[in-house]
Amino acid sequence: MVKKKAKAKKKKSRKHQTPLDKIRKQIDKLEALHEKENAIVENITDIIDDAQFDEQDYDFDKWEGTDPD
């Protein structure tokens, strides 16, 4: 009869977090999310500004001025 070796179970050591540690972790996540939101808002604002600038260029091309030819 062959004896089977018992597999040693690995216990995952989990650092005990206090409620304040958990709150800090959540606040850090929220701050990172806020930075991403700000970047997205900035990108959207740039797109809008570029579109408005393009419209102004188009209107300027159509402008004929006041000097008679």
C-alpha atoms as a PDB file:
ATOM      1  CA  MET A   1       0.000   0.000   0.000  1.00  0.00           C
ATOM      2  CA  VAL A   2       1.308   3.435  -0.976  1.00  0.00           C
ATOM      3  CA  LYS A   3       1.059   6.159   1.567  1.00  0.00           C
ATOM      4  CA  LYS A   4      -0.097   9.501   0.310  1.00  0.00           C
ATOM      5  CA  LYS A   5       1.557  12.547   1.682  1.00  0.00           C
ATOM      6  CA  ALA A   6      -0.841  14.977   3.205  1.00  0.00           C
ATOM      7  CA  LYS A   7      -0.771  18.246   1.343  1.00  0.00           C
ATOM      8  CA  ALA A   8      -0.038  21.138   3.575  1.00  0.00           C
ATOM      9  CA  LYS A   9      -2.658  23.784   3.183  1.00  0.00           C
ATOM     10  CA  LYS A  10      -1.289  27.205   2.575  1.00  0.00           C
ATOM     11  CA  LYS A  11      -2.968  29.755   4.684  1.00  0.00           C
ATOM     12  CA  LYS A  12      -3.258  33.113   3.096  1.00  0.00           C
ATOM     13  CA  SER A  13      -2.212  35.591   5.661  1.00  0.00           C
ATOM     14  CA  ARG A  14      -4.518  38.515   5.513  1.00  0.00           C
ATOM     15  CA  LYS A  15      -3.485  41.708   7.179  1.00  0.00           C
ATOM     16  CA  HIS A  16      -6.199  42.782   9.514  1.00  0.00           C
ATOM     17  CA  GLN A  17      -7.438  46.181   8.426  1.00  0.00           C
ATOM     18  CA  THR A  18      -8.964  48.612  10.807  1.00  0.00           C
ATOM     19  CA  PRO A  19     -12.095  50.500   9.756  1.00  0.00           C
ATOM     20  CA  LEU A  20      -9.913  53.584   9.248  1.00  0.00           C
ATOM     21  CA  ASP A  21      -7.623  51.621   6.908  1.00  0.00           C
ATOM     22  CA  LYS A  22     -10.637  50.510   4.899  1.00  0.00           C
ATOM     23  CA  ILE A  23     -11.968  54.070   4.722  1.00  0.00           C
ATOM     24  CA  ARG A  24      -8.558  55.381   3.576  1.00  0.00           C
ATOM     25  CA  LYS A  25      -8.440  52.741   0.852  1.00  0.00           C
ATOM     26  CA  GLN A  26     -11.898  53.741  -0.393  1.00  0.00           C
ATOM     27  CA  ILE A  27     -10.986  57.444  -0.320  1.00  0.00           C
ATOM     28  CA  ASP A  28      -7.857  56.704  -2.357  1.00  0.00           C
ATOM     29  CA  LYS A  29      -9.989  54.901  -4.943  1.00  0.00           C
ATOM     30  CA  LEU A  30     -12.404  57.828  -5.023  1.00  0.00           C
ATOM     31  CA  GLU A  31      -9.562  60.311  -5.528  1.00  0.00           C
ATOM     32  CA  ALA A  32      -8.201  58.259  -8.418  1.00  0.00           C
ATOM     33  CA  LEU A  33     -11.662  58.155  -9.964  1.00  0.00           C
ATOM     34  CA  HIS A  34     -11.997  61.916  -9.556  1.00  0.00           C
ATOM     35  CA  GLU A  35      -8.689  62.440 -11.396  1.00  0.00           C
ATOM     36  CA  LYS A  36      -9.964  60.286 -14.263  1.00  0.00           C
ATOM     37  CA  GLU A  37     -13.213  62.266 -14.358  1.00  0.00           C
ATOM     38  CA  ASN A  38     -11.289  65.534 -14.518  1.00  0.00           C
ATOM     39  CA  ALA A  39      -9.207  64.226 -17.418  1.00  0.00           C
ATOM     40  CA  ILE A  40     -12.356  63.187 -19.294  1.00  0.00           C
ATOM     41  CA  VAL A  41     -13.999  66.582 -18.705  1.00  0.00           C
ATOM     42  CA  GLU A  42     -10.844  68.309 -19.930  1.00  0.00           C
ATOM     43  CA  ASN A  43     -10.805  66.165 -23.091  1.00  0.00           C
ATOM     44  CA  ILE A  44     -14.464  66.939 -23.786  1.00  0.00           C
ATOM     45  CA  THR A  45     -13.848  70.658 -23.234  1.00  0.00           C
ATOM     46  CA  ASP A  46     -10.935  70.547 -25.681  1.00  0.00           C
ATOM     47  CA  ILE A  47     -13.119  68.834 -28.297  1.00  0.00           C
ATOM     48  CA  ILE A  48     -15.831  71.477 -27.858  1.00  0.00           C
ATOM     49  CA  ASP A  49     -13.285  74.313 -28.052  1.00  0.00           C
ATOM     50  CA  ASP A  50     -11.780  72.846 -31.232  1.00  0.00           C
ATOM     51  CA  ALA A  51     -15.223  72.479 -32.806  1.00  0.00           C
ATOM     52  CA  GLN A  52     -16.125  76.079 -31.939  1.00  0.00           C
ATOM     53  CA  PHE A  53     -12.805  77.303 -33.335  1.00  0.00           C
ATOM     54  CA  ASP A  54     -13.436  75.379 -36.580  1.00  0.00           C
ATOM     55  CA  GLU A  55     -16.885  76.984 -36.857  1.00  0.00           C
ATOM     56  CA  GLN A  56     -15.368  80.438 -36.388  1.00  0.00           C
ATOM     57  CA  ASP A  57     -12.831  79.735 -39.149  1.00  0.00           C
ATOM     58  CA  TYR A  58     -15.633  78.663 -41.445  1.00  0.00           C
ATOM     59  CA  ASP A  59     -17.617  81.837 -40.708  1.00  0.00           C
ATOM     60  CA  PHE A  60     -14.506  83.958 -41.258  1.00  0.00           C
ATOM     61  CA  ASP A  61     -14.005  82.434 -44.717  1.00  0.00           C
ATOM     62  CA  LYS A  62     -17.518  83.487 -45.682  1.00  0.00           C
ATOM     63  CA  TRP A  63     -16.988  87.053 -44.460  1.00  0.00           C
ATOM     64  CA  GLU A  64     -16.633  89.431 -47.360  1.00  0.00           C
ATOM     65  CA  GLY A  65     -15.751  92.632 -45.532  1.00  0.00           C
ATOM     66  CA  THR A  66     -16.908  96.204 -46.231  1.00  0.00           C
ATOM     67  CA  ASP A  67     -14.485  97.247 -48.954  1.00  0.00           C
ATOM     68  CA  PRO A  68     -16.167  97.428 -52.364  1.00  0.00           C
ATOM     69  CA  ASP A  69     -14.356  95.674 -55.204  1.00  0.00           C
END
